[in-house]
Amino acid sequence: MRHTKKTTLQITRITGSDETGKDRHSYLNLAHVNPEIADDDLLSIGKKLSNLQSFPVDGIGRVDSCLLAQEG
Protein backbone atom coordinates (compact mmCIF):
# COMPACT_ATOMS: atom_id res chain seq x y z
CA MET A 1 0.00 0.00 0.00
CA ARG A 2 1.26 3.49 -0.84
CA HIS A 3 1.56 6.19 1.81
CA THR A 4 2.90 9.74 1.92
CA LYS A 5 2.92 10.68 -1.76
CA LYS A 6 5.40 13.39 -2.71
CA THR A 7 5.99 15.18 -6.00
CA THR A 8 9.00 17.29 -6.94
CA LEU A 9 9.54 19.50 -9.98
CA GLN A 10 13.11 19.03 -11.22
CA ILE A 11 14.76 21.49 -13.60
CA THR A 12 18.07 20.31 -15.09
CA ARG A 13 20.49 23.12 -15.93
CA ILE A 14 23.75 23.09 -17.88
CA THR A 15 26.33 24.81 -15.69
CA GLY A 16 29.37 24.32 -17.90
CA SER A 17 31.45 21.56 -19.41
CA ASP A 18 34.27 19.32 -18.29
CA GLU A 19 37.71 18.95 -19.89
CA THR A 20 36.31 16.52 -22.50
CA GLY A 21 33.51 18.89 -23.51
CA LYS A 22 30.74 16.94 -21.79
CA ASP A 23 28.03 19.11 -20.22
CA ARG A 24 27.97 19.50 -16.44
CA HIS A 25 24.52 19.63 -14.91
CA SER A 26 22.97 20.94 -11.73
CA TYR A 27 19.47 20.19 -10.58
CA LEU A 28 16.95 22.62 -9.17
CA ASN A 29 14.48 20.57 -7.12
CA LEU A 30 11.24 22.23 -6.07
CA ALA A 31 9.50 20.09 -3.46
CA HIS A 32 6.02 20.25 -1.93
CA VAL A 33 4.24 20.08 -5.28
CA ASN A 34 0.66 18.81 -5.12
CA PRO A 35 0.81 15.14 -6.27
CA GLU A 36 -2.55 15.58 -7.99
CA ILE A 37 -1.26 18.21 -10.45
CA ALA A 38 -1.54 17.24 -14.12
CA ASP A 39 1.68 16.66 -16.06
CA ASP A 40 0.84 19.41 -18.58
CA ASP A 41 0.26 21.94 -15.79
CA LEU A 42 3.53 21.05 -14.07
CA LEU A 43 5.40 21.29 -17.39
CA SER A 44 3.90 24.73 -17.97
CA ILE A 45 5.11 25.88 -14.55
CA GLY A 46 8.53 24.38 -15.22
CA LYS A 47 8.83 26.24 -18.54
CA LYS A 48 7.94 29.53 -16.87
CA LEU A 49 10.52 28.96 -14.13
CA SER A 50 13.09 27.97 -16.76
CA ASN A 51 12.84 31.44 -18.27
CA LEU A 52 14.07 32.86 -14.95
CA GLN A 53 17.25 30.72 -14.86
CA SER A 54 20.66 32.19 -15.58
CA PHE A 55 21.90 28.82 -16.92
CA PRO A 56 20.54 27.06 -20.02
CA VAL A 57 17.88 24.47 -19.15
CA ASP A 58 18.43 20.93 -20.42
CA GLY A 59 15.23 19.36 -19.11
CA ILE A 60 12.14 19.62 -16.95
CA GLY A 61 11.06 16.57 -15.01
CA ARG A 62 8.59 15.29 -12.49
CA VAL A 63 9.72 13.03 -9.63
CA ASP A 64 6.96 11.14 -7.81
CA SER A 65 7.74 9.14 -4.70
CA CYS A 66 5.87 7.39 -1.92
CA LEU A 67 6.44 5.10 1.02
CA LEU A 68 5.45 1.48 0.60
CA ALA A 69 4.01 -0.45 3.53
CA GLN A 70 2.36 -3.80 4.05
CA GLU A 71 -1.15 -3.89 5.38
CA GLY A 72 -1.69 -5.56 8.68
PDB file of N, CA and C in Angstrom:
ATOM      1  N   MET A   1       0.836  -1.171   0.000  1.00  0.00           N
ATOM      2  CA  MET A   1       0.000   0.000   0.000  1.00  0.00           C
ATOM      3  C   MET A   1       0.889   1.245   0.000  1.00  0.00           C
ATOM      4  N   ARG A   2       0.487   2.251  -0.756  1.00  0.00           N
ATOM      5  CA  ARG A   2       1.260   3.489  -0.843  1.00  0.00           C
ATOM      6  C   ARG A   2       0.818   4.496   0.216  1.00  0.00           C
ATOM      7  N   HIS A   3       1.803   5.159   0.802  1.00  0.00           N
ATOM      8  CA  HIS A   3       1.565   6.190   1.806  1.00  0.00           C
ATOM      9  C   HIS A   3       2.464   7.382   1.503  1.00  0.00           C
ATOM     10  N   THR A   4       2.081   8.533   1.963  1.00  0.00           N
ATOM     11  CA  THR A   4       2.897   9.741   1.918  1.00  0.00           C
ATOM     12  C   THR A   4       3.423  10.024   0.509  1.00  0.00           C
ATOM     13  N   LYS A   5       2.521  10.340  -0.393  1.00  0.00           N
ATOM     14  CA  LYS A   5       2.915  10.682  -1.763  1.00  0.00           C
ATOM     15  C   LYS A   5       3.597  12.042  -1.773  1.00  0.00           C
ATOM     16  N   LYS A   6       4.670  12.133  -2.559  1.00  0.00           N
ATOM     17  CA  LYS A   6       5.401  13.395  -2.708  1.00  0.00           C
ATOM     18  C   LYS A   6       5.719  13.601  -4.185  1.00  0.00           C
ATOM     19  N   THR A   7       5.642  14.838  -4.627  1.00  0.00           N
ATOM     20  CA  THR A   7       5.992  15.184  -5.999  1.00  0.00           C
ATOM     21  C   THR A   7       6.974  16.339  -5.968  1.00  0.00           C
ATOM     22  N   THR A   8       7.987  16.255  -6.824  1.00  0.00           N
ATOM     23  CA  THR A   8       9.004  17.288  -6.942  1.00  0.00           C
ATOM     24  C   THR A   8       9.132  17.691  -8.399  1.00  0.00           C
ATOM     25  N   LEU A   9       9.237  18.983  -8.651  1.00  0.00           N
ATOM     26  CA  LEU A   9       9.540  19.497  -9.979  1.00  0.00           C
ATOM     27  C   LEU A   9      11.047  19.633 -10.069  1.00  0.00           C
ATOM     28  N   GLN A  10      11.659  19.006 -11.088  1.00  0.00           N
ATOM     29  CA  GLN A  10      13.109  19.029 -11.224  1.00  0.00           C
ATOM     30  C   GLN A  10      13.483  19.715 -12.537  1.00  0.00           C
ATOM     31  N   ILE A  11      14.272  20.776 -12.424  1.00  0.00           N
ATOM     32  CA  ILE A  11      14.764  21.492 -13.598  1.00  0.00           C
ATOM     33  C   ILE A  11      16.256  21.217 -13.705  1.00  0.00           C
ATOM     34  N   THR A  12      16.659  20.650 -14.842  1.00  0.00           N
ATOM     35  CA  THR A  12      18.065  20.308 -15.085  1.00  0.00           C
ATOM     36  C   THR A  12      18.714  21.442 -15.867  1.00  0.00           C
ATOM     37  N   ARG A  13      19.801  21.988 -15.308  1.00  0.00           N
ATOM     38  CA  ARG A  13      20.489  23.117 -15.927  1.00  0.00           C
ATOM     39  C   ARG A  13      21.898  22.726 -16.326  1.00  0.00           C
ATOM     40  N   ILE A  14      22.370  23.291 -17.428  1.00  0.00           N
ATOM     41  CA  ILE A  14      23.753  23.087 -17.877  1.00  0.00           C
ATOM     42  C   ILE A  14      24.590  24.199 -17.261  1.00  0.00           C
ATOM     43  N   THR A  15      25.538  23.809 -16.405  1.00  0.00           N
ATOM     44  CA  THR A  15      26.335  24.807 -15.689  1.00  0.00           C
ATOM     45  C   THR A  15      27.736  24.976 -16.257  1.00  0.00           C
ATOM     46  N   GLY A  16      28.049  24.231 -17.286  1.00  0.00           N
ATOM     47  CA  GLY A  16      29.370  24.319 -17.900  1.00  0.00           C
ATOM     48  C   GLY A  16      29.717  23.011 -18.570  1.00  0.00           C
ATOM     49  N   SER A  17      30.999  22.822 -18.808  1.00  0.00           N
ATOM     50  CA  SER A  17      31.451  21.562 -19.410  1.00  0.00           C
ATOM     51  C   SER A  17      32.766  21.142 -18.778  1.00  0.00           C
ATOM     52  N   ASP A  18      33.024  19.833 -18.851  1.00  0.00           N
ATOM     53  CA  ASP A  18      34.273  19.323 -18.289  1.00  0.00           C
ATOM     54  C   ASP A  18      35.376  19.402 -19.339  1.00  0.00           C
ATOM     55  N   GLU A  19      36.539  18.857 -19.002  1.00  0.00           N
ATOM     56  CA  GLU A  19      37.705  18.949 -19.891  1.00  0.00           C
ATOM     57  C   GLU A  19      37.522  18.186 -21.208  1.00  0.00           C
ATOM     58  N   THR A  20      36.567  17.261 -21.259  1.00  0.00           N
ATOM     59  CA  THR A  20      36.307  16.516 -22.501  1.00  0.00           C
ATOM     60  C   THR A  20      35.181  17.140 -23.318  1.00  0.00           C
ATOM     61  N   GLY A  21      34.583  18.217 -22.803  1.00  0.00           N
ATOM     62  CA  GLY A  21      33.512  18.892 -23.512  1.00  0.00           C
ATOM     63  C   GLY A  21      32.115  18.405 -23.148  1.00  0.00           C
ATOM     64  N   LYS A  22      32.034  17.452 -22.223  1.00  0.00           N
ATOM     65  CA  LYS A  22      30.737  16.937 -21.790  1.00  0.00           C
ATOM     66  C   LYS A  22      30.071  17.945 -20.851  1.00  0.00           C
ATOM     67  N   ASP A  23      28.765  18.154 -21.040  1.00  0.00           N
ATOM     68  CA  ASP A  23      28.030  19.105 -20.216  1.00  0.00           C
ATOM     69  C   ASP A  23      28.036  18.696 -18.750  1.00  0.00           C
ATOM     70  N   ARG A  24      28.151  19.699 -17.883  1.00  0.00           N
ATOM     71  CA  ARG A  24      27.972  19.501 -16.444  1.00  0.00           C
ATOM     72  C   ARG A  24      26.589  20.031 -16.093  1.00  0.00           C
ATOM     73  N   HIS A  25      25.896  19.281 -15.257  1.00  0.00           N
ATOM     74  CA  HIS A  25      24.522  19.633 -14.906  1.00  0.00           C
ATOM     75  C   HIS A  25      24.379  19.927 -13.413  1.00  0.00           C
ATOM     76  N   SER A  26      23.426  20.767 -13.116  1.00  0.00           N
ATOM     77  CA  SER A  26      22.970  20.938 -11.735  1.00  0.00           C
ATOM     78  C   SER A  26      21.458  20.803 -11.772  1.00  0.00           C
ATOM     79  N   TYR A  27      20.898  20.466 -10.645  1.00  0.00           N
ATOM     80  CA  TYR A  27      19.470  20.190 -10.576  1.00  0.00           C
ATOM     81  C   TYR A  27      18.814  21.130  -9.574  1.00  0.00           C
ATOM     82  N   LEU A  28      17.771  21.788 -10.035  1.00  0.00           N
ATOM     83  CA  LEU A  28      16.955  22.619  -9.172  1.00  0.00           C
ATOM     84  C   LEU A  28      15.719  21.805  -8.832  1.00  0.00           C
ATOM     85  N   ASN A  29      15.594  21.401  -7.568  1.00  0.00           N
ATOM     86  CA  ASN A  29      14.479  20.567  -7.122  1.00  0.00           C
ATOM     87  C   ASN A  29      13.516  21.398  -6.304  1.00  0.00           C
ATOM     88  N   LEU A  30      12.276  21.476  -6.759  1.00  0.00           N
ATOM     89  CA  LEU A  30      11.239  22.227  -6.068  1.00  0.00           C
ATOM     90  C   LEU A  30      10.252  21.234  -5.475  1.00  0.00           C
ATOM     91  N   ALA A  31      10.318  21.076  -4.172  1.00  0.00           N
ATOM     92  CA  ALA A  31       9.501  20.094  -3.462  1.00  0.00           C
ATOM     93  C   ALA A  31       8.143  20.678  -3.091  1.00  0.00           C
ATOM     94  N   HIS A  32       7.345  19.868  -2.439  1.00  0.00           N
ATOM     95  CA  HIS A  32       6.023  20.254  -1.930  1.00  0.00           C
ATOM     96  C   HIS A  32       5.049  20.608  -3.050  1.00  0.00           C
ATOM     97  N   VAL A  33       5.177  19.916  -4.175  1.00  0.00           N
ATOM     98  CA  VAL A  33       4.240  20.080  -5.280  1.00  0.00           C
ATOM     99  C   VAL A  33       3.053  19.154  -5.021  1.00  0.00           C
ATOM    100  N   ASN A  34       1.864  19.628  -5.301  1.00  0.00           N
ATOM    101  CA  ASN A  34       0.663  18.811  -5.123  1.00  0.00           C
ATOM    102  C   ASN A  34       0.751  17.579  -6.022  1.00  0.00           C
ATOM    103  N   PRO A  35       0.711  16.359  -5.461  1.00  0.00           N
ATOM    104  CA  PRO A  35       0.812  15.143  -6.272  1.00  0.00           C
ATOM    105  C   PRO A  35      -0.320  14.976  -7.280  1.00  0.00           C
ATOM    106  N   GLU A  36      -1.405  15.694  -7.091  1.00  0.00           N
ATOM    107  CA  GLU A  36      -2.555  15.578  -7.993  1.00  0.00           C
ATOM    108  C   GLU A  36      -2.441  16.471  -9.226  1.00  0.00           C
ATOM    109  N   ILE A  37      -1.402  17.301  -9.318  1.00  0.00           N
ATOM    110  CA  ILE A  37      -1.261  18.209 -10.451  1.00  0.00           C
ATOM    111  C   ILE A  37      -1.052  17.419 -11.744  1.00  0.00           C
ATOM    112  N   ALA A  38      -1.667  17.894 -12.807  1.00  0.00           N
ATOM    113  CA  ALA A  38      -1.538  17.241 -14.115  1.00  0.00           C
ATOM    114  C   ALA A  38      -0.138  17.495 -14.679  1.00  0.00           C
ATOM    115  N   ASP A  39       0.352  16.539 -15.463  1.00  0.00           N
ATOM    116  CA  ASP A  39       1.676  16.663 -16.062  1.00  0.00           C
ATOM    117  C   ASP A  39       1.804  17.928 -16.910  1.00  0.00           C
ATOM    118  N   ASP A  40       0.793  18.227 -17.713  1.00  0.00           N
ATOM    119  CA  ASP A  40       0.836  19.412 -18.576  1.00  0.00           C
ATOM    120  C   ASP A  40       0.925  20.696 -17.756  1.00  0.00           C
ATOM    121  N   ASP A  41       0.220  20.755 -16.645  1.00  0.00           N
ATOM    122  CA  ASP A  41       0.260  21.937 -15.788  1.00  0.00           C
ATOM    123  C   ASP A  41       1.634  22.099 -15.144  1.00  0.00           C
ATOM    124  N   LEU A  42       2.204  20.993 -14.696  1.00  0.00           N
ATOM    125  CA  LEU A  42       3.528  21.050 -14.071  1.00  0.00           C
ATOM    126  C   LEU A  42       4.592  21.430 -15.097  1.00  0.00           C
ATOM    127  N   LEU A  43       4.460  20.926 -16.320  1.00  0.00           N
ATOM    128  CA  LEU A  43       5.395  21.293 -17.390  1.00  0.00           C
ATOM    129  C   LEU A  43       5.294  22.784 -17.700  1.00  0.00           C
ATOM    130  N   SER A  44       4.095  23.300 -17.722  1.00  0.00           N
ATOM    131  CA  SER A  44       3.903  24.730 -17.974  1.00  0.00           C
ATOM    132  C   SER A  44       4.587  25.577 -16.903  1.00  0.00           C
ATOM    133  N   ILE A  45       4.442  25.178 -15.649  1.00  0.00           N
ATOM    134  CA  ILE A  45       5.106  25.882 -14.551  1.00  0.00           C
ATOM    135  C   ILE A  45       6.619  25.780 -14.701  1.00  0.00           C
ATOM    136  N   GLY A  46       7.095  24.584 -15.036  1.00  0.00           N
ATOM    137  CA  GLY A  46       8.534  24.377 -15.222  1.00  0.00           C
ATOM    138  C   GLY A  46       9.100  25.246 -16.326  1.00  0.00           C
ATOM    139  N   LYS A  47       8.370  25.389 -17.424  1.00  0.00           N
ATOM    140  CA  LYS A  47       8.826  26.238 -18.537  1.00  0.00           C
ATOM    141  C   LYS A  47       8.911  27.699 -18.108  1.00  0.00           C
ATOM    142  N   LYS A  48       7.925  28.137 -17.345  1.00  0.00           N
ATOM    143  CA  LYS A  48       7.941  29.532 -16.875  1.00  0.00           C
ATOM    144  C   LYS A  48       9.111  29.777 -15.932  1.00  0.00           C
ATOM    145  N   LEU A  49       9.375  28.830 -15.038  1.00  0.00           N
ATOM    146  CA  LEU A  49      10.516  28.964 -14.129  1.00  0.00           C
ATOM    147  C   LEU A  49      11.846  28.871 -14.881  1.00  0.00           C
ATOM    148  N   SER A  50      11.871  28.109 -15.961  1.00  0.00           N
ATOM    149  CA  SER A  50      13.090  27.970 -16.762  1.00  0.00           C
ATOM    150  C   SER A  50      13.513  29.300 -17.369  1.00  0.00           C
ATOM    151  N   ASN A  51      12.530  30.126 -17.698  1.00  0.00           N
ATOM    152  CA  ASN A  51      12.839  31.436 -18.269  1.00  0.00           C
ATOM    153  C   ASN A  51      13.535  32.353 -17.277  1.00  0.00           C
ATOM    154  N   LEU A  52      13.449  32.040 -15.991  1.00  0.00           N
ATOM    155  CA  LEU A  52      14.074  32.857 -14.954  1.00  0.00           C
ATOM    156  C   LEU A  52      15.495  32.408 -14.618  1.00  0.00           C
ATOM    157  N   GLN A  53      15.947  31.281 -15.198  1.00  0.00           N
ATOM    158  CA  GLN A  53      17.250  30.716 -14.862  1.00  0.00           C
ATOM    159  C   GLN A  53      18.374  31.440 -15.600  1.00  0.00           C
ATOM    160  N   SER A  54      19.504  31.576 -14.935  1.00  0.00           N
ATOM    161  CA  SER A  54      20.661  32.189 -15.583  1.00  0.00           C
ATOM    162  C   SER A  54      21.453  31.168 -16.406  1.00  0.00           C
ATOM    163  N   PHE A  55      21.253  29.881 -16.148  1.00  0.00           N
ATOM    164  CA  PHE A  55      21.904  28.823 -16.919  1.00  0.00           C
ATOM    165  C   PHE A  55      20.926  28.249 -17.935  1.00  0.00           C
ATOM    166  N   PRO A  56      21.433  27.714 -19.056  1.00  0.00           N
ATOM    167  CA  PRO A  56      20.541  27.056 -20.019  1.00  0.00           C
ATOM    168  C   PRO A  56      19.884  25.827 -19.381  1.00  0.00           C
ATOM    169  N   VAL A  57      18.618  25.610 -19.703  1.00  0.00           N
ATOM    170  CA  VAL A  57      17.877  24.472 -19.152  1.00  0.00           C
ATOM    171  C   VAL A  57      17.942  23.314 -20.131  1.00  0.00           C
ATOM    172  N   ASP A  58      18.297  22.135 -19.605  1.00  0.00           N
ATOM    173  CA  ASP A  58      18.428  20.926 -20.419  1.00  0.00           C
ATOM    174  C   ASP A  58      17.206  20.026 -20.306  1.00  0.00           C
ATOM    175  N   GLY A  59      16.408  20.211 -19.260  1.00  0.00           N
ATOM    176  CA  GLY A  59      15.229  19.360 -19.108  1.00  0.00           C
ATOM    177  C   GLY A  59      14.367  19.770 -17.930  1.00  0.00           C
ATOM    178  N   ILE A  60      13.110  19.383 -18.022  1.00  0.00           N
ATOM    179  CA  ILE A  60      12.144  19.615 -16.950  1.00  0.00           C
ATOM    180  C   ILE A  60      11.527  18.268 -16.632  1.00  0.00           C
ATOM    181  N   GLY A  61      11.551  17.884 -15.372  1.00  0.00           N
ATOM    182  CA  GLY A  61      11.057  16.565 -15.010  1.00  0.00           C
ATOM    183  C   GLY A  61      10.158  16.586 -13.788  1.00  0.00           C
ATOM    184  N   ARG A  62       9.470  15.501 -13.635  1.00  0.00           N
ATOM    185  CA  ARG A  62       8.592  15.290 -12.490  1.00  0.00           C
ATOM    186  C   ARG A  62       9.101  14.052 -11.763  1.00  0.00           C
ATOM    187  N   VAL A  63       9.279  14.161 -10.446  1.00  0.00           N
ATOM    188  CA  VAL A  63       9.716  13.035  -9.633  1.00  0.00           C
ATOM    189  C   VAL A  63       8.618  12.740  -8.616  1.00  0.00           C
ATOM    190  N   ASP A  64       7.995  11.586  -8.758  1.00  0.00           N
ATOM    191  CA  ASP A  64       6.963  11.144  -7.808  1.00  0.00           C
ATOM    192  C   ASP A  64       7.560  10.080  -6.908  1.00  0.00           C
ATOM    193  N   SER A  65       7.269  10.156  -5.622  1.00  0.00           N
ATOM    194  CA  SER A  65       7.745   9.140  -4.699  1.00  0.00           C
ATOM    195  C   SER A  65       6.679   8.886  -3.635  1.00  0.00           C
ATOM    196  N   CYS A  66       6.779   7.733  -3.007  1.00  0.00           N
ATOM    197  CA  CYS A  66       5.867   7.393  -1.918  1.00  0.00           C
ATOM    198  C   CYS A  66       6.514   6.318  -1.060  1.00  0.00           C
ATOM    199  N   LEU A  67       6.010   6.167   0.132  1.00  0.00           N
ATOM    200  CA  LEU A  67       6.445   5.105   1.025  1.00  0.00           C
ATOM    201  C   LEU A  67       5.561   3.881   0.771  1.00  0.00           C
ATOM    202  N   LEU A  68       6.182   2.729   0.771  1.00  0.00           N
ATOM    203  CA  LEU A  68       5.448   1.482   0.601  1.00  0.00           C
ATOM    204  C   LEU A  68       5.365   0.768   1.953  1.00  0.00           C
ATOM    205  N   ALA A  69       4.192   0.262   2.261  1.00  0.00           N
ATOM    206  CA  ALA A  69       4.009  -0.446   3.530  1.00  0.00           C
ATOM    207  C   ALA A  69       3.043  -1.591   3.341  1.00  0.00           C
ATOM    208  N   GLN A  70       3.271  -2.658   4.083  1.00  0.00           N
ATOM    209  CA  GLN A  70       2.356  -3.795   4.052  1.00  0.00           C
ATOM    210  C   GLN A  70       1.161  -3.503   4.950  1.00  0.00           C
ATOM    211  N   GLU A  71       0.031  -4.014   4.534  1.00  0.00           N
ATOM    212  CA  GLU A  71      -1.146  -3.886   5.382  1.00  0.00           C
ATOM    213  C   GLU A  71      -1.075  -4.928   6.497  1.00  0.00           C
ATOM    214  N   GLY A  72      -1.605  -4.556   7.621  1.00  0.00           N
ATOM    215  CA  GLY A  72      -1.693  -5.557   8.676  1.00  0.00           C
ATOM    216  C   GLY A  72      -0.961  -5.274   9.863  1.00  0.00           C
TER     217      GLY A  72
END
